[in-house]
Amino acid sequence: MERRAYGNTDMQVSILGFGGAEIGNKDLPTVEKLLHSALDAGLNVIDTAECYGNSEELIGKALAGRRSEYYLFTKCGHASGLDYPDWDPVLLEKTIDRSLQRLQVDYVDIIHLHSCSEEILRQGEVIEVLKKAKEQGKTRYIGYSGDTKDALYAVQTGVFDSLETSVNIADQEAIDLTIPEALQRGMGVIAKRPIANVAWQHDTLSEQDYAYPYWLRLGELNYDFLTDVQQGVETALRFTLSTLGVATAIVGTANPGRWQQNAELLAKGPLPQEVYEAIRHRWKEVAGADWVGKV
């Protein structure tokens, strides 16, 4: 699988990464199949968080013995069972240590602040906790995971090595707002939700469904390539990975065979420029002022 340089770090990351949000309620044998099939297909990025159920613990158990084969990213900021308010500096220190214990590692490659606000970032304490963790060798790099103006402020601080942000056919704000700024500062960029939760495959969705905002947007965008689910997945994924600056796209799945299928889709390379620009043009025609990055 194609590798790309990750900003100014020493990492060469696979263009597809494993998203750990969906495995938090799975059993260990299932997770072992998912993760080993991902690594065997050439993925070398695994992304998780302190609040994804028992995702960290499952990754630690499933991949014992293969640590040298992948880059490990996690996130911090939410209490997730500890008796502290979110973003409390003491909480961050405790959850970072807990993440390492759960993952059964001495260090991770990146710790991202998990979608905290510009207001909290400006106070500076959460950034200092991550800097300290880096100095102590608990993480090699530090980053920010989030969207909209909060992410823009995080990028503009100049202290982060990595930006994880929403980029897809239904979520294009970051392409203009934050990714160019991140590139100027040598940050690596991870695209989350790169296939827009495949929201177009549903005839209807509840307003409570996580993918509902994307479903509404895609109804208005009315891309012709979404009439076929498989073509839609291919075009959507290639669109995200054709976006200048995106090094890797995090995909979650419960299907162990999906990694090889996605790798085959991406073997075609970037979208033709005219197709990419047509998708961008349609977004600019239709997108409302409230179509901001989905946290």
C-alpha atoms as a PDB file:
ATOM      1  CA  MET A   1       0.000   0.000   0.000  1.00  0.00           C
ATOM      2  CA  GLU A   2       1.232   3.496  -0.866  1.00  0.00           C
ATOM      3  CA  ARG A   3       3.121   5.368   1.857  1.00  0.00           C
ATOM      4  CA  ARG A   4       3.257   9.121   2.327  1.00  0.00           C
ATOM      5  CA  ALA A   5       5.497  11.356   4.406  1.00  0.00           C
ATOM      6  CA  TYR A   6       3.712  12.578   7.520  1.00  0.00           C
ATOM      7  CA  GLY A   7       4.546  16.258   7.736  1.00  0.00           C
ATOM      8  CA  ASN A   8       7.923  16.985   9.270  1.00  0.00           C
ATOM      9  CA  THR A   9       7.915  13.770  11.312  1.00  0.00           C
ATOM     10  CA  ASP A  10      10.020  10.720  10.504  1.00  0.00           C
ATOM     11  CA  MET A  11       6.915   8.640   9.727  1.00  0.00           C
ATOM     12  CA  GLN A  12       5.976   7.207   6.345  1.00  0.00           C
ATOM     13  CA  VAL A  13       2.311   6.360   6.811  1.00  0.00           C
ATOM     14  CA  SER A  14       0.023   4.127   4.772  1.00  0.00           C
ATOM     15  CA  ILE A  15      -2.672   6.076   2.946  1.00  0.00           C
ATOM     16  CA  LEU A  16      -5.285   4.040   4.810  1.00  0.00           C
ATOM     17  CA  GLY A  17      -5.339   3.785   8.579  1.00  0.00           C
ATOM     18  CA  PHE A  18      -7.439   1.764  11.012  1.00  0.00           C
ATOM     19  CA  GLY A  19     -10.023   3.732  12.992  1.00  0.00           C
ATOM     20  CA  GLY A  20     -10.583   2.240  16.435  1.00  0.00           C
ATOM     21  CA  ALA A  21     -13.905   3.895  17.300  1.00  0.00           C
ATOM     22  CA  GLU A  22     -16.045   1.011  16.037  1.00  0.00           C
ATOM     23  CA  ILE A  23     -14.274  -1.812  17.870  1.00  0.00           C
ATOM     24  CA  GLY A  24     -15.026  -0.617  21.394  1.00  0.00           C
ATOM     25  CA  ASN A  25     -17.947  -3.037  21.729  1.00  0.00           C
ATOM     26  CA  LYS A  26     -16.457  -5.998  19.830  1.00  0.00           C
ATOM     27  CA  ASP A  27     -15.079  -9.256  21.208  1.00  0.00           C
ATOM     28  CA  LEU A  28     -11.343  -9.947  21.149  1.00  0.00           C
ATOM     29  CA  PRO A  29     -11.356 -12.639  18.406  1.00  0.00           C
ATOM     30  CA  THR A  30     -13.203 -10.260  16.065  1.00  0.00           C
ATOM     31  CA  VAL A  31     -10.788  -7.436  16.796  1.00  0.00           C
ATOM     32  CA  GLU A  32      -7.810  -9.714  16.273  1.00  0.00           C
ATOM     33  CA  LYS A  33      -9.109 -10.611  12.806  1.00  0.00           C
ATOM     34  CA  LEU A  34      -9.759  -6.961  11.954  1.00  0.00           C
ATOM     35  CA  LEU A  35      -6.388  -5.673  13.115  1.00  0.00           C
ATOM     36  CA  HIS A  36      -4.223  -8.480  11.778  1.00  0.00           C
ATOM     37  CA  SER A  37      -5.972  -8.335   8.405  1.00  0.00           C
ATOM     38  CA  ALA A  38      -5.350  -4.578   8.352  1.00  0.00           C
ATOM     39  CA  LEU A  39      -1.631  -4.950   9.002  1.00  0.00           C
ATOM     40  CA  ASP A  40      -1.404  -7.826   6.543  1.00  0.00           C
ATOM     41  CA  ALA A  41      -3.026  -5.616   3.880  1.00  0.00           C
ATOM     42  CA  GLY A  42      -0.295  -3.008   4.379  1.00  0.00           C
ATOM     43  CA  LEU A  43      -1.905  -0.548   6.806  1.00  0.00           C
ATOM     44  CA  ASN A  44       0.554   0.846   9.325  1.00  0.00           C
ATOM     45  CA  VAL A  45      -1.569   3.461  11.165  1.00  0.00           C
ATOM     46  CA  ILE A  46      -3.908   2.620  14.045  1.00  0.00           C
ATOM     47  CA  ASP A  47      -5.922   5.460  15.547  1.00  0.00           C
ATOM     48  CA  THR A  48      -7.943   5.218  18.749  1.00  0.00           C
ATOM     49  CA  ALA A  49      -8.941   7.290  21.803  1.00  0.00           C
ATOM     50  CA  GLU A  50      -9.479   7.127  25.534  1.00  0.00           C
ATOM     51  CA  CYS A  51     -13.262   7.373  25.085  1.00  0.00           C
ATOM     52  CA  TYR A  52     -13.808   4.623  22.486  1.00  0.00           C
ATOM     53  CA  GLY A  53     -15.102   2.069  24.971  1.00  0.00           C
ATOM     54  CA  ASN A  54     -12.469  -0.623  25.477  1.00  0.00           C
ATOM     55  CA  SER A  55     -10.869   0.010  22.077  1.00  0.00           C
ATOM     56  CA  GLU A  56      -7.433   0.718  23.553  1.00  0.00           C
ATOM     57  CA  GLU A  57      -7.470  -2.451  25.646  1.00  0.00           C
ATOM     58  CA  LEU A  58      -8.514  -4.587  22.683  1.00  0.00           C
ATOM     59  CA  ILE A  59      -5.781  -3.125  20.482  1.00  0.00           C
ATOM     60  CA  GLY A  60      -3.203  -3.779  23.190  1.00  0.00           C
ATOM     61  CA  LYS A  61      -4.254  -7.402  23.540  1.00  0.00           C
ATOM     62  CA  ALA A  62      -4.766  -8.081  19.831  1.00  0.00           C
ATOM     63  CA  LEU A  63      -1.467  -6.692  18.587  1.00  0.00           C
ATOM     64  CA  ALA A  64       0.966  -7.812  21.262  1.00  0.00           C
ATOM     65  CA  GLY A  65       4.104  -8.793  19.386  1.00  0.00           C
ATOM     66  CA  ARG A  66       3.526  -6.637  16.277  1.00  0.00           C
ATOM     67  CA  ARG A  67       4.288  -3.178  17.728  1.00  0.00           C
ATOM     68  CA  SER A  68       7.135  -2.521  15.284  1.00  0.00           C
ATOM     69  CA  GLU A  69       4.796  -2.866  12.302  1.00  0.00           C
ATOM     70  CA  TYR A  70       2.533   0.127  12.876  1.00  0.00           C
ATOM     71  CA  TYR A  71       2.246   3.686  14.140  1.00  0.00           C
ATOM     72  CA  LEU A  72      -0.070   4.076  17.108  1.00  0.00           C
ATOM     73  CA  PHE A  73      -2.135   7.236  17.654  1.00  0.00           C
ATOM     74  CA  THR A  74      -4.511   7.941  20.536  1.00  0.00           C
ATOM     75  CA  LYS A  75      -6.387  10.936  21.942  1.00  0.00           C
ATOM     76  CA  CYS A  76      -6.972  12.484  25.348  1.00  0.00           C
ATOM     77  CA  GLY A  77      -9.269  14.991  27.003  1.00  0.00           C
ATOM     78  CA  HIS A  78     -12.415  13.174  28.107  1.00  0.00           C
ATOM     79  CA  ALA A  79     -12.849  11.739  31.587  1.00  0.00           C
ATOM     80  CA  SER A  80     -14.175   8.381  30.368  1.00  0.00           C
ATOM     81  CA  GLY A  81     -14.752   6.897  33.790  1.00  0.00           C
ATOM     82  CA  LEU A  82     -12.376   9.000  35.889  1.00  0.00           C
ATOM     83  CA  ASP A  83     -13.754  11.437  38.446  1.00  0.00           C
ATOM     84  CA  TYR A  84     -12.464  14.652  36.878  1.00  0.00           C
ATOM     85  CA  PRO A  85     -13.978  17.217  34.535  1.00  0.00           C
ATOM     86  CA  ASP A  86     -13.030  16.941  30.869  1.00  0.00           C
ATOM     87  CA  TRP A  87      -9.838  18.838  29.998  1.00  0.00           C
ATOM     88  CA  ASP A  88      -8.625  19.037  33.589  1.00  0.00           C
ATOM     89  CA  PRO A  89      -4.793  18.907  33.372  1.00  0.00           C
ATOM     90  CA  VAL A  90      -4.601  16.220  36.060  1.00  0.00           C
ATOM     91  CA  LEU A  91      -7.159  14.192  34.125  1.00  0.00           C
ATOM     92  CA  LEU A  92      -5.077  14.425  30.953  1.00  0.00           C
ATOM     93  CA  GLU A  93      -1.989  13.132  32.724  1.00  0.00           C
ATOM     94  CA  LYS A  94      -3.932  10.241  34.227  1.00  0.00           C
ATOM     95  CA  THR A  95      -5.665   9.271  30.993  1.00  0.00           C
ATOM     96  CA  ILE A  96      -2.380   9.376  29.048  1.00  0.00           C
ATOM     97  CA  ASP A  97      -0.862   6.920  31.528  1.00  0.00           C
ATOM     98  CA  ARG A  98      -4.040   4.829  31.401  1.00  0.00           C
ATOM     99  CA  SER A  99      -3.903   4.746  27.603  1.00  0.00           C
ATOM    100  CA  LEU A 100      -0.342   3.434  27.658  1.00  0.00           C
ATOM    101  CA  GLN A 101      -1.332   0.740  30.138  1.00  0.00           C
ATOM    102  CA  ARG A 102      -4.363  -0.269  28.109  1.00  0.00           C
ATOM    103  CA  LEU A 103      -2.407  -0.344  24.875  1.00  0.00           C
ATOM    104  CA  GLN A 104       0.412  -2.301  26.575  1.00  0.00           C
ATOM    105  CA  VAL A 105       3.083   0.054  25.234  1.00  0.00           C
ATOM    106  CA  ASP A 106       5.733   2.372  26.648  1.00  0.00           C
ATOM    107  CA  TYR A 107       4.898   5.131  24.182  1.00  0.00           C
ATOM    108  CA  VAL A 108       2.570   6.062  21.348  1.00  0.00           C
ATOM    109  CA  ASP A 109       3.577   7.841  18.168  1.00  0.00           C
ATOM    110  CA  ILE A 110       1.051  10.675  18.514  1.00  0.00           C
ATOM    111  CA  ILE A 111      -1.299  11.867  21.247  1.00  0.00           C
ATOM    112  CA  HIS A 112      -4.005  14.219  19.966  1.00  0.00           C
ATOM    113  CA  LEU A 113      -6.054  16.594  22.068  1.00  0.00           C
ATOM    114  CA  HIS A 114      -9.577  15.334  21.420  1.00  0.00           C
ATOM    115  CA  SER A 115     -11.615  18.195  19.950  1.00  0.00           C
ATOM    116  CA  CYS A 116     -11.207  20.733  22.734  1.00  0.00           C
ATOM    117  CA  SER A 117     -12.338  24.306  22.204  1.00  0.00           C
ATOM    118  CA  GLU A 118     -10.268  27.340  21.298  1.00  0.00           C
ATOM    119  CA  GLU A 119     -11.109  28.745  24.728  1.00  0.00           C
ATOM    120  CA  ILE A 120      -9.484  25.786  26.464  1.00  0.00           C
ATOM    121  CA  LEU A 121      -6.514  25.831  24.110  1.00  0.00           C
ATOM    122  CA  ARG A 122      -5.907  29.510  24.864  1.00  0.00           C
ATOM    123  CA  GLN A 123      -5.572  28.753  28.568  1.00  0.00           C
ATOM    124  CA  GLY A 124      -2.494  26.730  27.673  1.00  0.00           C
ATOM    125  CA  GLU A 125      -2.603  24.052  30.368  1.00  0.00           C
ATOM    126  CA  VAL A 126      -3.706  21.190  28.125  1.00  0.00           C
ATOM    127  CA  ILE A 127      -0.930  21.981  25.660  1.00  0.00           C
ATOM    128  CA  GLU A 128       1.629  21.943  28.474  1.00  0.00           C
ATOM    129  CA  VAL A 129       0.458  18.478  29.548  1.00  0.00           C
ATOM    130  CA  LEU A 130       1.072  17.146  26.027  1.00  0.00           C
ATOM    131  CA  LYS A 131       4.464  18.839  25.817  1.00  0.00           C
ATOM    132  CA  LYS A 132       5.410  17.224  29.129  1.00  0.00           C
ATOM    133  CA  ALA A 133       4.274  13.805  27.889  1.00  0.00           C
ATOM    134  CA  LYS A 134       6.474  14.269  24.837  1.00  0.00           C
ATOM    135  CA  GLU A 135       9.451  15.280  26.970  1.00  0.00           C
ATOM    136  CA  GLN A 136       8.899  12.199  29.139  1.00  0.00           C
ATOM    137  CA  GLY A 137       8.913   9.899  26.119  1.00  0.00           C
ATOM    138  CA  LYS A 138       5.276   8.874  26.453  1.00  0.00           C
ATOM    139  CA  THR A 139       4.585  10.119  22.943  1.00  0.00           C
ATOM    140  CA  ARG A 140       6.869  10.934  20.042  1.00  0.00           C
ATOM    141  CA  TYR A 141       4.649  13.708  18.675  1.00  0.00           C
ATOM    142  CA  ILE A 142       1.631  15.742  19.762  1.00  0.00           C
ATOM    143  CA  GLY A 143      -1.419  16.772  17.787  1.00  0.00           C
ATOM    144  CA  TYR A 144      -4.909  18.217  17.723  1.00  0.00           C
ATOM    145  CA  SER A 145      -8.018  16.350  16.586  1.00  0.00           C
ATOM    146  CA  GLY A 146     -10.953  18.560  15.679  1.00  0.00           C
ATOM    147  CA  ASP A 147     -12.570  20.922  13.231  1.00  0.00           C
ATOM    148  CA  THR A 148     -13.725  24.447  12.415  1.00  0.00           C
ATOM    149  CA  LYS A 149     -12.181  27.516  14.056  1.00  0.00           C
ATOM    150  CA  ASP A 150     -11.044  25.516  17.080  1.00  0.00           C
ATOM    151  CA  ALA A 151      -8.802  23.490  14.784  1.00  0.00           C
ATOM    152  CA  LEU A 152      -7.615  26.619  13.016  1.00  0.00           C
ATOM    153  CA  TYR A 153      -6.474  28.128  16.299  1.00  0.00           C
ATOM    154  CA  ALA A 154      -4.735  24.871  17.243  1.00  0.00           C
ATOM    155  CA  VAL A 155      -2.857  24.867  13.943  1.00  0.00           C
ATOM    156  CA  GLN A 156      -1.888  28.510  14.297  1.00  0.00           C
ATOM    157  CA  THR A 157      -0.310  27.967  17.720  1.00  0.00           C
ATOM    158  CA  GLY A 158       2.559  26.251  15.904  1.00  0.00           C
ATOM    159  CA  VAL A 159       3.058  23.734  18.731  1.00  0.00           C
ATOM    160  CA  PHE A 160       1.419  20.656  17.180  1.00  0.00           C
ATOM    161  CA  ASP A 161       2.948  18.093  14.841  1.00  0.00           C
ATOM    162  CA  SER A 162      -0.339  16.615  13.645  1.00  0.00           C
ATOM    163  CA  LEU A 163      -3.899  17.586  12.687  1.00  0.00           C
ATOM    164  CA  GLU A 164      -6.732  15.044  12.574  1.00  0.00           C
ATOM    165  CA  THR A 165      -9.781  16.574  10.932  1.00  0.00           C
ATOM    166  CA  SER A 166     -12.924  15.712   8.972  1.00  0.00           C
ATOM    167  CA  VAL A 167     -12.446  15.637   5.188  1.00  0.00           C
ATOM    168  CA  ASN A 168     -14.875  14.040   2.744  1.00  0.00           C
ATOM    169  CA  ILE A 169     -17.326  14.755  -0.073  1.00  0.00           C
ATOM    170  CA  ALA A 170     -19.869  16.033   2.488  1.00  0.00           C
ATOM    171  CA  ASP A 171     -17.392  17.856   4.738  1.00  0.00           C
ATOM    172  CA  GLN A 172     -14.989  20.120   2.861  1.00  0.00           C
ATOM    173  CA  GLU A 173     -14.489  23.119   5.153  1.00  0.00           C
ATOM    174  CA  ALA A 174     -11.018  21.975   6.238  1.00  0.00           C
ATOM    175  CA  ILE A 175      -9.747  21.951   2.638  1.00  0.00           C
ATOM    176  CA  ASP A 176      -9.748  25.751   2.691  1.00  0.00           C
ATOM    177  CA  LEU A 177      -9.773  26.608   6.393  1.00  0.00           C
ATOM    178  CA  THR A 178      -7.146  24.497   8.144  1.00  0.00           C
ATOM    179  CA  ILE A 179      -5.243  22.112   5.893  1.00  0.00           C
ATOM    180  CA  PRO A 180      -3.324  24.830   3.982  1.00  0.00           C
ATOM    181  CA  GLU A 181      -2.273  26.363   7.312  1.00  0.00           C
ATOM    182  CA  ALA A 182      -1.203  22.949   8.608  1.00  0.00           C
ATOM    183  CA  LEU A 183       0.886  22.343   5.482  1.00  0.00           C
ATOM    184  CA  GLN A 184       2.668  25.673   5.916  1.00  0.00           C
ATOM    185  CA  ARG A 185       3.720  24.567   9.394  1.00  0.00           C
ATOM    186  CA  GLY A 186       4.885  21.106   8.330  1.00  0.00           C
ATOM    187  CA  MET A 187       2.092  19.278  10.164  1.00  0.00           C
ATOM    188  CA  GLY A 188       0.940  15.818   9.182  1.00  0.00           C
ATOM    189  CA  VAL A 189      -2.765  15.634   8.311  1.00  0.00           C
ATOM    190  CA  ILE A 190      -5.094  12.702   9.028  1.00  0.00           C
ATOM    191  CA  ALA A 191      -8.533  12.661   7.416  1.00  0.00           C
ATOM    192  CA  LYS A 192     -11.264  11.266   9.645  1.00  0.00           C
ATOM    193  CA  ARG A 193     -14.663  10.183   8.255  1.00  0.00           C
ATOM    194  CA  PRO A 194     -13.156   9.972   4.728  1.00  0.00           C
ATOM    195  CA  ILE A 195     -16.216   8.252   3.218  1.00  0.00           C
ATOM    196  CA  ALA A 196     -18.802  10.410   5.014  1.00  0.00           C
ATOM    197  CA  ASN A 197     -20.090   7.404   6.994  1.00  0.00           C
ATOM    198  CA  VAL A 198     -21.475   6.093   3.647  1.00  0.00           C
ATOM    199  CA  ALA A 199     -24.540   8.157   4.529  1.00  0.00           C
ATOM    200  CA  TRP A 200     -25.901   8.041   0.965  1.00  0.00           C
ATOM    201  CA  GLN A 201     -26.702   4.313   1.215  1.00  0.00           C
ATOM    202  CA  HIS A 202     -29.717   5.056   3.444  1.00  0.00           C
ATOM    203  CA  ASP A 203     -33.145   5.972   2.126  1.00  0.00           C
ATOM    204  CA  THR A 204     -33.854   7.714   5.407  1.00  0.00           C
ATOM    205  CA  LEU A 205     -32.066   8.377   8.695  1.00  0.00           C
ATOM    206  CA  SER A 206     -33.146   9.442  12.147  1.00  0.00           C
ATOM    207  CA  GLU A 207     -32.100  12.906  13.260  1.00  0.00           C
ATOM    208  CA  GLN A 208     -30.308  11.187  16.134  1.00  0.00           C
ATOM    209  CA  ASP A 209     -28.163   9.133  13.784  1.00  0.00           C
ATOM    210  CA  TYR A 210     -24.512  10.181  13.761  1.00  0.00           C
ATOM    211  CA  ALA A 211     -24.471  10.357   9.936  1.00  0.00           C
ATOM    212  CA  TYR A 212     -27.662  12.425   9.668  1.00  0.00           C
ATOM    213  CA  PRO A 213     -25.973  15.790   8.891  1.00  0.00           C
ATOM    214  CA  TYR A 214     -24.003  14.151   6.072  1.00  0.00           C
ATOM    215  CA  TRP A 215     -27.153  12.467   4.774  1.00  0.00           C
ATOM    216  CA  LEU A 216     -28.890  15.848   4.552  1.00  0.00           C
ATOM    217  CA  ARG A 217     -25.928  17.498   2.839  1.00  0.00           C
ATOM    218  CA  LEU A 218     -25.526  14.716   0.296  1.00  0.00           C
ATOM    219  CA  GLY A 219     -29.219  14.972  -0.569  1.00  0.00           C
ATOM    220  CA  GLU A 220     -28.608  18.579  -1.600  1.00  0.00           C
ATOM    221  CA  LEU A 221     -25.257  17.936  -3.260  1.00  0.00           C
ATOM    222  CA  ASN A 222     -26.834  15.150  -5.338  1.00  0.00           C
ATOM    223  CA  TYR A 223     -23.570  13.784  -6.728  1.00  0.00           C
ATOM    224  CA  ASP A 224     -24.292  11.483  -9.682  1.00  0.00           C
ATOM    225  CA  PHE A 225     -21.632   8.952  -8.622  1.00  0.00           C
ATOM    226  CA  LEU A 226     -23.595   8.112  -5.472  1.00  0.00           C
ATOM    227  CA  THR A 227     -26.274   6.189  -7.369  1.00  0.00           C
ATOM    228  CA  ASP A 228     -24.093   3.102  -6.921  1.00  0.00           C
ATOM    229  CA  VAL A 229     -22.858   2.430  -3.379  1.00  0.00           C
ATOM    230  CA  GLN A 230     -19.567   0.824  -4.433  1.00  0.00           C
ATOM    231  CA  GLN A 231     -18.728   3.549  -6.951  1.00  0.00           C
ATOM    232  CA  GLY A 232     -19.644   6.071  -4.296  1.00  0.00           C
ATOM    233  CA  VAL A 233     -17.216   4.542  -1.775  1.00  0.00           C
ATOM    234  CA  GLU A 234     -14.421   4.466  -4.351  1.00  0.00           C
ATOM    235  CA  THR A 235     -14.941   8.048  -5.509  1.00  0.00           C
ATOM    236  CA  ALA A 236     -15.400   9.371  -1.980  1.00  0.00           C
ATOM    237  CA  LEU A 237     -12.251   7.692  -0.676  1.00  0.00           C
ATOM    238  CA  ARG A 238     -10.172   8.733  -3.674  1.00  0.00           C
ATOM    239  CA  PHE A 239     -11.490  12.298  -3.297  1.00  0.00           C
ATOM    240  CA  THR A 240     -10.324  12.522   0.300  1.00  0.00           C
ATOM    241  CA  LEU A 241      -6.910  11.073  -0.497  1.00  0.00           C
ATOM    242  CA  SER A 242      -6.570  13.366  -3.533  1.00  0.00           C
ATOM    243  CA  THR A 243      -6.852  16.411  -1.259  1.00  0.00           C
ATOM    244  CA  LEU A 244      -3.516  18.193  -1.086  1.00  0.00           C
ATOM    245  CA  GLY A 245      -1.928  17.655   2.313  1.00  0.00           C
ATOM    246  CA  VAL A 246      -3.888  14.587   3.437  1.00  0.00           C
ATOM    247  CA  ALA A 247      -1.374  11.864   4.281  1.00  0.00           C
ATOM    248  CA  THR A 248      -3.672   9.135   5.577  1.00  0.00           C
ATOM    249  CA  ALA A 249      -7.403   8.475   5.902  1.00  0.00           C
ATOM    250  CA  ILE A 250      -8.795   6.678   8.943  1.00  0.00           C
ATOM    251  CA  VAL A 251     -11.436   4.058   8.126  1.00  0.00           C
ATOM    252  CA  GLY A 252     -13.416   1.954  10.559  1.00  0.00           C
ATOM    253  CA  THR A 253     -15.018  -1.352   9.597  1.00  0.00           C
ATOM    254  CA  ALA A 254     -16.247  -4.608  11.079  1.00  0.00           C
ATOM    255  CA  ASN A 255     -15.304  -6.552   7.932  1.00  0.00           C
ATOM    256  CA  PRO A 256     -11.772  -8.052   7.915  1.00  0.00           C
ATOM    257  CA  GLY A 257     -11.833  -8.277   4.119  1.00  0.00           C
ATOM    258  CA  ARG A 258     -12.543  -4.570   3.701  1.00  0.00           C
ATOM    259  CA  TRP A 259      -8.905  -3.536   3.884  1.00  0.00           C
ATOM    260  CA  GLN A 260      -7.873  -5.469   0.809  1.00  0.00           C
ATOM    261  CA  GLN A 261     -10.961  -4.241  -1.061  1.00  0.00           C
ATOM    262  CA  ASN A 262     -10.177  -0.635  -0.200  1.00  0.00           C
ATOM    263  CA  ALA A 263      -6.534  -1.101  -1.172  1.00  0.00           C
ATOM    264  CA  GLU A 264      -7.677  -2.327  -4.578  1.00  0.00           C
ATOM    265  CA  LEU A 265      -9.933   0.713  -4.995  1.00  0.00           C
ATOM    266  CA  LEU A 266      -7.023   3.010  -4.231  1.00  0.00           C
ATOM    267  CA  ALA A 267      -4.705   1.229  -6.666  1.00  0.00           C
ATOM    268  CA  LYS A 268      -6.295   3.463  -9.323  1.00  0.00           C
ATOM    269  CA  GLY A 269      -4.539   6.414  -7.704  1.00  0.00           C
ATOM    270  CA  PRO A 270      -5.849   9.955  -7.206  1.00  0.00           C
ATOM    271  CA  LEU A 271      -9.060  11.085  -8.872  1.00  0.00           C
ATOM    272  CA  PRO A 272      -8.610  12.769 -12.248  1.00  0.00           C
ATOM    273  CA  GLN A 273      -8.220  16.476 -11.565  1.00  0.00           C
ATOM    274  CA  GLU A 274     -11.382  17.384 -13.448  1.00  0.00           C
ATOM    275  CA  VAL A 275     -13.437  14.950 -11.342  1.00  0.00           C
ATOM    276  CA  TYR A 276     -11.938  16.279  -8.125  1.00  0.00           C
ATOM    277  CA  GLU A 277     -12.613  19.876  -9.152  1.00  0.00           C
ATOM    278  CA  ALA A 278     -16.195  19.048 -10.154  1.00  0.00           C
ATOM    279  CA  ILE A 279     -16.851  17.721  -6.645  1.00  0.00           C
ATOM    280  CA  ARG A 280     -15.291  20.838  -5.133  1.00  0.00           C
ATOM    281  CA  HIS A 281     -17.276  23.101  -7.471  1.00  0.00           C
ATOM    282  CA  ARG A 282     -20.547  21.445  -6.529  1.00  0.00           C
ATOM    283  CA  TRP A 283     -19.719  21.889  -2.835  1.00  0.00           C
ATOM    284  CA  LYS A 284     -19.028  25.586  -3.312  1.00  0.00           C
ATOM    285  CA  GLU A 285     -22.322  25.980  -5.197  1.00  0.00           C
ATOM    286  CA  VAL A 286     -24.473  24.258  -2.590  1.00  0.00           C
ATOM    287  CA  ALA A 287     -22.792  24.400   0.834  1.00  0.00           C
ATOM    288  CA  GLY A 288     -24.565  26.507   3.399  1.00  0.00           C
ATOM    289  CA  ALA A 289     -22.808  28.743   5.917  1.00  0.00           C
ATOM    290  CA  ASP A 290     -23.588  26.144   8.607  1.00  0.00           C
ATOM    291  CA  TRP A 291     -21.886  23.286   6.731  1.00  0.00           C
ATOM    292  CA  VAL A 292     -18.910  23.350   9.051  1.00  0.00           C
ATOM    293  CA  GLY A 293     -16.544  20.501   9.899  1.00  0.00           C
ATOM    294  CA  LYS A 294     -18.308  17.741  11.816  1.00  0.00           C
ATOM    295  CA  VAL A 295     -16.596  17.144  15.153  1.00  0.00           C
END
